[in-house]
Amino acid sequence: MDPLDIMMAKEQVKPYYLPIFSAEKQIVVGYEVVARLITPDEVIRLGWFFSDKSIPSEYRHELDDHLQMLALDYFTASQFKGAIYFNYDTRQLEKDAGESFLKRIEPYIEEGLLSYKQFILGLNEKDVHTYYHEIKHVLTYLQSLGIRIGIDNFGQSSTQLDQIAKLHPNVIRVNVSFLNQDSLPQLYGDVHQSLAMLSRKIGATLLFDGITTFNQLNYAWRNGARYYQGSYLLPSAKDFVPEDVCRERMQKDFQHFITYERKKVQAQLELSNELSNALRSTMKQVKPELSLDEMILSIAKKLSQYVFRIYVCNEEGFQQTSNVEKDEEGFWQQNAEGLNKNWSWRPYFLENIVRMNVEKKGILSDLYTDIERDEQIRTFAYPISDTLYMFMDIPYEYLFEQNDLM
């Protein structure tokens, strides 16, 4: 559709409202304002109009002003006290330091109809990267008023994480529509788990949008989303909806998620206990005069159904044995390459050493990708003395065959 045709039909362009749902109360806590062209035959989405930089900025700003004014009037008439999410042009913010937006909302603020804290300005991540140095002080000023800053489309450009951390956005929005319903790769989960940790450290909230399936909602829930958007819950509409419109459905879905996660935790605890018992029983049969290398080779042969690699480290992370590894034919071999390597740099290594010392029991790791085998595995660590710890790598094949361990 030609941009000029849209401008000629500006009065037919109306704001629609996409609900933002909270994980905490399962209610609508805000609305994103989106553009729709209303024709006698259909309702046309106009998101492309605002993201296409080849369209004159005057057109985009004029239509944006039109939408914002209509939306602000609707918000005040409805007396809605939740969040108002406006997608905003970062270039315009850089040009006038936010003055045009502040002037637009000022009458509503002065009359007490709206508050600064209700507004979230969503900025495109790629544009934030481009204009980072020009806008960082503007964003700080807007946040000092109470206006929240959102970073949209996170992960779809080359923005540095340290830039995001320095900007301290209030909301980080992740679109999950690119994730296939039947295939949610673990790699994405690892990235978004890291993002959840970053968000927690800088005080930002994760909003997952583009949710069109049950699996995508589950993915968002598992990866730290506080807010949710998408047609699976509710599509955009010209009017607001009752705040609890999806509460029953979300609670039912969350119950499925919780039940499944409980089964996973239970399965992990059972495996940890099973390995602990098997290891203790096996070690009682090991001759005391054996060297550490001989000991783990003997243990490996008896626990072959569980593991493909075993080695021992001291409390400082230095490997005290060779790697005992199962080859493709199922035979155990010793590989001296790992001897004296230090593993204290690994995430949670020292924390787990301390935990094993205090709790006097083994620890099963989360899923991670083994570099040498290029497959997902878990590692079971177990204290065999006050200063020595055995590490047993469990292959993907075994985890896949067991229920709820992946």
Protein backbone atom coordinates (compact mmCIF):
# COMPACT_ATOMS: atom_id res chain seq x y z
CA MET A 1 0.00 0.00 0.00
CA ASP A 2 1.34 3.41 -0.90
CA PRO A 3 2.28 5.59 2.12
CA LEU A 4 0.61 8.61 0.53
CA ASP A 5 -2.67 6.69 0.32
CA ILE A 6 -2.45 6.03 4.04
CA MET A 7 -1.85 9.71 4.78
CA MET A 8 -4.82 10.64 2.60
CA ALA A 9 -6.93 8.23 4.68
CA LYS A 10 -5.50 9.36 8.03
CA GLU A 11 -8.92 9.72 9.63
CA GLN A 12 -9.50 6.01 9.02
CA VAL A 13 -6.31 5.12 10.93
CA LYS A 14 -7.27 4.24 14.50
CA PRO A 15 -5.43 3.04 17.58
CA TYR A 16 -5.96 -0.57 18.57
CA TYR A 17 -4.94 -1.82 21.98
CA LEU A 18 -2.87 -4.97 22.55
CA PRO A 19 -3.22 -6.15 26.17
CA ILE A 20 -0.17 -6.71 28.36
CA PHE A 21 -0.77 -9.48 30.90
CA SER A 22 0.99 -9.91 34.22
CA ALA A 23 2.36 -13.26 35.39
CA GLU A 24 1.79 -12.26 39.00
CA LYS A 25 -1.95 -11.62 38.97
CA GLN A 26 -2.84 -12.93 35.50
CA ILE A 27 -4.61 -9.68 34.65
CA VAL A 28 -4.27 -6.89 32.10
CA VAL A 29 -1.76 -4.38 33.46
CA GLY A 30 -1.37 -2.26 30.35
CA TYR A 31 -1.96 -1.82 26.64
CA GLU A 32 0.36 -1.29 23.73
CA VAL A 33 -1.00 1.20 21.19
CA VAL A 34 -0.84 -0.17 17.65
CA ALA A 35 -2.00 1.34 14.34
CA ARG A 36 -4.84 -0.07 12.22
CA LEU A 37 -6.35 1.24 9.00
CA ILE A 38 -10.09 0.63 9.07
CA THR A 39 -11.69 -0.02 5.67
CA PRO A 40 -15.18 -1.29 4.84
CA ASP A 41 -13.69 -4.70 4.01
CA GLU A 42 -10.85 -5.25 6.45
CA VAL A 43 -8.64 -4.00 9.28
CA ILE A 44 -5.08 -3.46 8.02
CA ARG A 45 -1.99 -3.55 10.25
CA LEU A 46 0.34 -0.59 9.83
CA GLY A 47 3.39 -1.55 11.84
CA TRP A 48 5.47 -1.59 8.67
CA PHE A 49 4.62 2.07 8.02
CA PHE A 50 6.50 3.22 11.12
CA SER A 51 9.49 0.89 10.72
CA ASP A 52 10.11 1.67 7.03
CA LYS A 53 12.78 4.41 7.09
CA SER A 54 12.27 5.08 3.36
CA ILE A 55 8.92 6.68 4.21
CA PRO A 56 9.38 10.42 4.91
CA SER A 57 9.75 11.03 8.64
CA GLU A 58 7.13 13.79 8.39
CA TYR A 59 4.54 11.19 7.37
CA ARG A 60 5.47 8.84 10.17
CA HIS A 61 5.48 11.55 12.83
CA GLU A 62 2.19 13.05 11.68
CA LEU A 63 0.45 9.67 11.82
CA ASP A 64 2.09 8.89 15.15
CA ASP A 65 0.83 12.18 16.60
CA HIS A 66 -2.66 11.40 15.32
CA LEU A 67 -2.65 7.96 16.96
CA GLN A 68 -1.22 9.15 20.24
CA MET A 69 -3.82 11.89 20.65
CA LEU A 70 -6.69 9.48 19.99
CA ALA A 71 -5.18 6.93 22.36
CA LEU A 72 -4.60 9.47 25.14
CA ASP A 73 -8.22 10.63 24.93
CA TYR A 74 -9.40 7.03 25.09
CA PHE A 75 -7.18 6.21 28.06
CA THR A 76 -8.41 9.19 30.04
CA ALA A 77 -12.06 8.56 29.19
CA SER A 78 -11.73 4.95 30.34
CA GLN A 79 -9.97 5.99 33.57
CA PHE A 80 -7.60 3.08 33.07
CA LYS A 81 -4.77 3.21 35.61
CA GLY A 82 -2.42 0.70 33.99
CA ALA A 83 0.49 1.15 31.60
CA ILE A 84 0.33 2.91 28.23
CA TYR A 85 2.94 1.44 25.87
CA PHE A 86 3.84 3.72 22.96
CA ASN A 87 6.32 2.59 20.31
CA TYR A 88 8.44 5.67 19.76
CA ASP A 89 10.84 6.88 17.06
CA THR A 90 14.33 6.93 18.60
CA ARG A 91 15.52 9.40 15.96
CA GLN A 92 12.77 11.84 16.98
CA LEU A 93 13.76 11.43 20.60
CA GLU A 94 17.34 12.25 19.65
CA LYS A 95 16.29 15.31 17.65
CA ASP A 96 14.18 17.10 20.26
CA ALA A 97 15.26 15.43 23.53
CA GLY A 98 11.72 14.16 24.05
CA GLU A 99 10.21 17.64 24.08
CA SER A 100 7.41 16.92 21.59
CA PHE A 101 6.24 13.86 23.56
CA LEU A 102 6.37 15.68 26.89
CA LYS A 103 4.34 18.58 25.45
CA ARG A 104 1.73 16.15 24.18
CA ILE A 105 1.16 14.45 27.53
CA GLU A 106 1.63 17.55 29.70
CA PRO A 107 -2.06 18.66 29.71
CA TYR A 108 -3.16 15.18 30.82
CA ILE A 109 -0.55 15.18 33.58
CA GLU A 110 -1.42 18.67 34.83
CA GLU A 111 -5.12 17.85 35.03
CA GLY A 112 -4.38 14.66 36.96
CA LEU A 113 -5.92 12.47 34.27
CA LEU A 114 -2.72 10.48 33.72
CA SER A 115 0.63 10.14 35.45
CA TYR A 116 4.15 9.91 34.11
CA LYS A 117 4.47 6.46 35.67
CA GLN A 118 1.79 5.08 33.34
CA PHE A 119 3.87 5.68 30.21
CA ILE A 120 6.29 3.23 28.64
CA LEU A 121 8.22 4.42 25.59
CA GLY A 122 9.27 1.44 23.48
CA LEU A 123 12.44 2.04 21.46
CA ASN A 124 13.75 -0.25 18.75
CA GLU A 125 16.94 -2.01 19.88
CA LYS A 126 18.75 -1.35 16.60
CA ASP A 127 18.00 2.37 16.82
CA VAL A 128 19.11 2.45 20.44
CA HIS A 129 22.44 0.99 19.32
CA THR A 130 22.74 3.64 16.56
CA TYR A 131 21.90 6.64 18.74
CA TYR A 132 23.19 5.33 22.05
CA HIS A 133 25.47 8.26 22.91
CA GLU A 134 22.94 10.87 21.79
CA ILE A 135 19.96 9.57 23.77
CA LYS A 136 21.35 8.11 26.99
CA HIS A 137 21.02 11.42 28.90
CA VAL A 138 17.54 12.01 27.45
CA LEU A 139 16.40 8.62 28.66
CA THR A 140 17.81 9.28 32.12
CA TYR A 141 15.82 12.52 32.27
CA LEU A 142 12.58 10.87 31.14
CA GLN A 143 13.07 8.12 33.72
CA SER A 144 13.63 10.72 36.42
CA LEU A 145 10.08 11.96 35.69
CA GLY A 146 8.75 8.44 36.11
CA ILE A 147 8.37 7.53 32.42
CA ARG A 148 9.53 3.96 31.79
CA ILE A 149 11.77 3.03 28.88
CA GLY A 150 11.32 -0.20 26.95
CA ILE A 151 13.80 -1.83 24.57
CA ASP A 152 11.89 -3.59 21.77
CA ASN A 153 12.95 -6.50 19.56
CA PHE A 154 15.77 -7.40 21.90
CA GLY A 155 18.31 -9.84 20.45
CA GLN A 156 17.54 -9.04 16.81
CA SER A 157 20.50 -6.69 16.30
CA SER A 158 24.08 -6.28 17.48
CA THR A 159 23.41 -4.10 20.49
CA GLN A 160 26.01 -4.60 23.19
CA LEU A 161 24.74 -5.94 26.51
CA ASP A 162 26.86 -3.38 28.30
CA GLN A 163 24.97 -0.60 26.47
CA ILE A 164 21.67 -2.03 27.66
CA ALA A 165 23.03 -2.33 31.20
CA LYS A 166 24.21 1.31 31.17
CA LEU A 167 20.88 2.57 29.83
CA HIS A 168 18.99 0.76 32.62
CA PRO A 169 15.75 0.25 30.67
CA ASN A 170 12.66 -0.51 32.71
CA VAL A 171 11.30 -3.07 30.24
CA ILE A 172 13.13 -5.41 27.86
CA ARG A 173 10.82 -6.88 25.25
CA VAL A 174 11.61 -10.18 23.53
CA ASN A 175 9.63 -11.41 20.54
CA VAL A 176 9.16 -15.18 20.49
CA SER A 177 7.21 -15.47 17.24
CA PHE A 178 10.35 -16.73 15.46
CA LEU A 179 10.34 -19.84 17.65
CA ASN A 180 8.62 -22.73 15.97
CA GLN A 181 5.78 -24.26 17.98
CA ASP A 182 7.30 -27.73 17.92
CA SER A 183 10.95 -26.74 18.20
CA LEU A 184 12.15 -24.38 20.90
CA PRO A 185 15.93 -24.79 20.76
CA GLN A 186 17.80 -25.01 24.05
CA LEU A 187 20.24 -22.43 22.71
CA TYR A 188 17.55 -19.74 22.75
CA GLY A 189 16.65 -20.72 26.28
CA ASP A 190 20.26 -20.31 27.41
CA VAL A 191 20.41 -16.84 25.86
CA HIS A 192 17.14 -15.76 27.42
CA GLN A 193 18.08 -17.20 30.80
CA SER A 194 21.17 -14.97 30.66
CA LEU A 195 18.95 -12.07 29.69
CA ALA A 196 16.70 -12.82 32.67
CA MET A 197 19.75 -12.64 34.94
CA LEU A 198 20.84 -9.34 33.39
CA SER A 199 17.33 -7.91 33.74
CA ARG A 200 17.22 -8.89 37.40
CA LYS A 201 20.58 -7.24 38.08
CA ILE A 202 19.66 -3.92 36.42
CA GLY A 203 16.07 -3.88 37.71
CA ALA A 204 14.37 -4.36 34.34
CA THR A 205 11.23 -6.34 33.61
CA LEU A 206 11.04 -8.93 30.83
CA LEU A 207 8.08 -8.71 28.46
CA PHE A 208 7.70 -11.56 25.95
CA ASP A 209 5.50 -10.71 22.98
CA GLY A 210 4.42 -12.44 19.78
CA ILE A 211 3.04 -15.35 21.80
CA THR A 212 0.75 -17.31 19.49
CA THR A 213 0.98 -20.83 20.97
CA PHE A 214 0.84 -22.69 24.25
CA ASN A 215 4.50 -23.70 23.86
CA GLN A 216 5.60 -20.11 23.39
CA LEU A 217 3.74 -19.07 26.54
CA ASN A 218 5.45 -21.92 28.38
CA TYR A 219 8.81 -20.81 27.00
CA ALA A 220 8.24 -17.24 28.18
CA TRP A 221 7.16 -18.44 31.62
CA ARG A 222 10.24 -20.66 31.98
CA ASN A 223 12.57 -17.85 30.95
CA GLY A 224 11.59 -15.22 33.46
CA ALA A 225 8.83 -13.26 31.71
CA ARG A 226 6.83 -11.03 34.01
CA TYR A 227 4.65 -9.64 31.22
CA TYR A 228 3.08 -11.39 28.19
CA GLN A 229 1.56 -10.31 24.89
CA GLY A 230 0.21 -12.14 21.90
CA SER A 231 -2.82 -13.52 20.14
CA TYR A 232 -2.66 -16.79 22.10
CA LEU A 233 -3.83 -14.77 25.09
CA LEU A 234 -5.74 -11.99 23.31
CA PRO A 235 -5.26 -10.07 20.04
CA SER A 236 -5.40 -6.31 19.75
CA ALA A 237 -8.83 -4.70 19.62
CA LYS A 238 -10.39 -1.26 19.33
CA ASP A 239 -11.61 -1.36 22.93
CA PHE A 240 -10.26 -2.34 26.32
CA VAL A 241 -11.22 -5.67 27.86
CA PRO A 242 -12.04 -6.69 31.45
CA GLU A 243 -8.75 -6.95 33.32
CA ASP A 244 -9.39 -10.56 34.35
CA VAL A 245 -10.49 -11.74 30.90
CA CYS A 246 -7.66 -14.31 30.67
CA ARG A 247 -7.10 -15.06 34.35
CA GLU A 248 -8.80 -18.47 34.35
CA ARG A 249 -7.03 -19.56 31.18
CA MET A 250 -3.61 -18.33 32.34
CA GLN A 251 -4.01 -20.01 35.71
CA LYS A 252 -4.89 -23.28 33.98
CA ASP A 253 -1.86 -23.03 31.69
CA PHE A 254 0.42 -22.04 34.56
CA GLN A 255 -0.77 -25.08 36.48
CA HIS A 256 0.32 -27.28 33.56
CA PHE A 257 3.72 -25.57 33.58
CA ILE A 258 4.14 -25.97 37.33
CA THR A 259 3.14 -29.62 37.25
CA TYR A 260 5.64 -30.36 34.49
CA GLU A 261 8.46 -28.45 36.19
CA ARG A 262 7.79 -30.29 39.44
CA LYS A 263 8.12 -33.59 37.58
CA LYS A 264 11.43 -32.43 36.13
CA VAL A 265 12.77 -31.42 39.54
CA GLN A 266 11.57 -34.71 41.01
CA ALA A 267 13.26 -36.67 38.22
CA GLN A 268 16.52 -34.78 38.75
CA LEU A 269 16.45 -35.43 42.49
CA GLU A 270 15.73 -39.12 41.89
CA LEU A 271 18.63 -39.38 39.44
CA SER A 272 20.92 -37.58 41.89
CA ASN A 273 19.94 -39.99 44.67
CA GLU A 274 20.29 -43.00 42.37
CA LEU A 275 23.79 -41.94 41.31
CA SER A 276 24.78 -41.21 44.91
CA ASN A 277 23.67 -44.66 46.06
CA ALA A 278 25.29 -46.42 43.11
CA LEU A 279 28.56 -44.53 43.63
CA ARG A 280 28.69 -45.19 47.37
CA SER A 281 27.99 -48.88 46.81
CA THR A 282 30.61 -49.12 44.07
CA MET A 283 33.30 -47.30 46.06
CA LYS A 284 32.94 -49.82 48.89
CA GLN A 285 34.04 -52.50 46.43
CA VAL A 286 37.10 -50.55 45.20
CA LYS A 287 40.42 -51.80 46.57
CA PRO A 288 42.00 -49.12 48.78
CA GLU A 289 45.49 -49.57 47.29
CA LEU A 290 44.36 -48.44 43.82
CA SER A 291 45.52 -45.09 42.47
CA LEU A 292 42.93 -42.42 41.68
CA ASP A 293 43.15 -43.24 37.97
CA GLU A 294 42.67 -46.93 38.65
CA MET A 295 39.82 -46.19 41.06
CA ILE A 296 37.78 -44.11 38.60
CA LEU A 297 38.38 -46.64 35.83
CA SER A 298 36.95 -49.35 38.08
CA ILE A 299 33.99 -47.13 38.99
CA ALA A 300 33.38 -46.19 35.36
CA LYS A 301 33.06 -49.82 34.31
CA LYS A 302 30.46 -50.47 37.01
CA LEU A 303 28.48 -47.28 36.28
CA SER A 304 28.76 -47.50 32.50
CA GLN A 305 24.98 -47.33 32.03
CA TYR A 306 24.94 -43.78 33.42
CA VAL A 307 28.09 -41.97 32.30
CA PHE A 308 30.57 -41.53 29.47
CA ARG A 309 33.34 -39.60 31.27
CA ILE A 310 34.70 -39.49 34.84
CA TYR A 311 37.50 -37.45 36.43
CA VAL A 312 38.49 -36.13 39.86
CA CYS A 313 39.34 -32.55 40.90
CA ASN A 314 40.55 -31.04 44.15
CA GLU A 315 38.83 -28.19 45.99
CA GLU A 316 40.75 -25.60 43.97
CA GLY A 317 39.58 -27.02 40.67
CA PHE A 318 42.79 -28.75 39.58
CA GLN A 319 42.15 -32.11 37.91
CA GLN A 320 43.89 -34.90 39.82
CA THR A 321 43.27 -37.72 37.35
CA SER A 322 43.16 -38.48 33.68
CA ASN A 323 39.80 -38.44 31.97
CA VAL A 324 38.29 -41.91 31.88
CA GLU A 325 36.13 -41.92 28.74
CA LYS A 326 33.90 -44.41 26.95
CA ASP A 327 34.70 -44.82 23.26
CA GLU A 328 32.21 -45.43 20.46
CA GLU A 329 32.41 -49.21 20.96
CA GLY A 330 31.58 -48.84 24.66
CA PHE A 331 35.09 -49.54 25.96
CA TRP A 332 36.66 -47.34 28.63
CA GLN A 333 39.92 -45.55 27.88
CA GLN A 334 42.19 -43.27 29.92
CA ASN A 335 43.05 -39.87 28.47
CA ALA A 336 45.84 -38.08 30.34
CA GLU A 337 45.21 -34.78 28.56
CA GLY A 338 42.91 -33.53 31.32
CA LEU A 339 45.40 -34.09 34.15
CA ASN A 340 46.26 -30.89 36.07
CA LYS A 341 43.78 -28.76 34.14
CA ASN A 342 41.96 -26.21 36.27
CA TRP A 343 38.17 -25.93 36.10
CA SER A 344 37.51 -23.26 38.73
CA TRP A 345 36.64 -20.78 35.96
CA ARG A 346 33.48 -22.70 35.13
CA PRO A 347 30.21 -21.10 36.27
CA TYR A 348 29.11 -22.33 39.70
CA PHE A 349 32.19 -24.58 40.11
CA LEU A 350 33.43 -23.10 43.39
CA GLU A 351 29.88 -22.56 44.63
CA ASN A 352 29.16 -26.25 44.09
CA ILE A 353 32.38 -27.26 45.86
CA VAL A 354 31.31 -25.30 48.92
CA ARG A 355 27.79 -26.73 48.73
CA MET A 356 29.14 -30.29 48.60
CA ASN A 357 31.35 -29.59 51.61
CA VAL A 358 28.42 -28.24 53.61
CA GLU A 359 25.66 -30.60 52.44
CA LYS A 360 27.85 -33.72 52.12
CA LYS A 361 26.02 -34.88 49.01
CA GLY A 362 26.27 -34.81 45.23
CA ILE A 363 25.00 -32.12 42.88
CA LEU A 364 23.45 -32.62 39.44
CA SER A 365 24.16 -29.80 37.00
CA ASP A 366 21.73 -28.15 34.62
CA LEU A 367 21.75 -29.04 30.93
CA TYR A 368 24.68 -27.67 28.97
CA THR A 369 26.48 -28.44 25.72
CA ASP A 370 29.65 -30.49 25.97
CA ILE A 371 32.25 -28.90 23.68
CA GLU A 372 33.95 -32.14 22.63
CA ARG A 373 30.78 -34.12 21.89
CA ASP A 374 28.65 -31.17 20.79
CA GLU A 375 25.64 -32.54 22.63
CA GLN A 376 23.64 -31.62 25.70
CA ILE A 377 24.73 -33.36 28.87
CA ARG A 378 24.52 -33.08 32.64
CA THR A 379 27.37 -33.53 35.13
CA PHE A 380 27.01 -35.19 38.52
CA ALA A 381 29.57 -34.03 41.08
CA TYR A 382 30.16 -35.98 44.28
CA PRO A 383 32.54 -35.47 47.25
CA ILE A 384 34.76 -38.56 47.71
CA SER A 385 36.84 -36.99 50.49
CA ASP A 386 37.22 -33.65 52.27
CA THR A 387 39.30 -32.30 49.38
CA LEU A 388 38.51 -34.49 46.35
CA TYR A 389 35.43 -34.44 44.11
CA MET A 390 34.37 -36.85 41.38
CA PHE A 391 32.74 -35.49 38.23
CA MET A 392 30.62 -37.84 36.13
CA ASP A 393 29.33 -36.69 32.72
CA ILE A 394 25.95 -38.12 31.72
CA PRO A 395 25.29 -38.40 27.95
CA TYR A 396 22.35 -37.01 26.03
CA GLU A 397 21.21 -40.52 25.07
CA TYR A 398 20.66 -41.53 28.69
CA LEU A 399 18.93 -38.24 29.61
CA PHE A 400 16.63 -38.51 26.60
CA GLU A 401 15.58 -42.03 27.52
CA GLN A 402 14.63 -40.99 31.06
CA ASN A 403 11.44 -39.09 31.66
CA ASP A 404 11.65 -35.35 32.43
CA LEU A 405 15.46 -35.04 32.45
CA MET A 406 15.72 -32.87 29.33
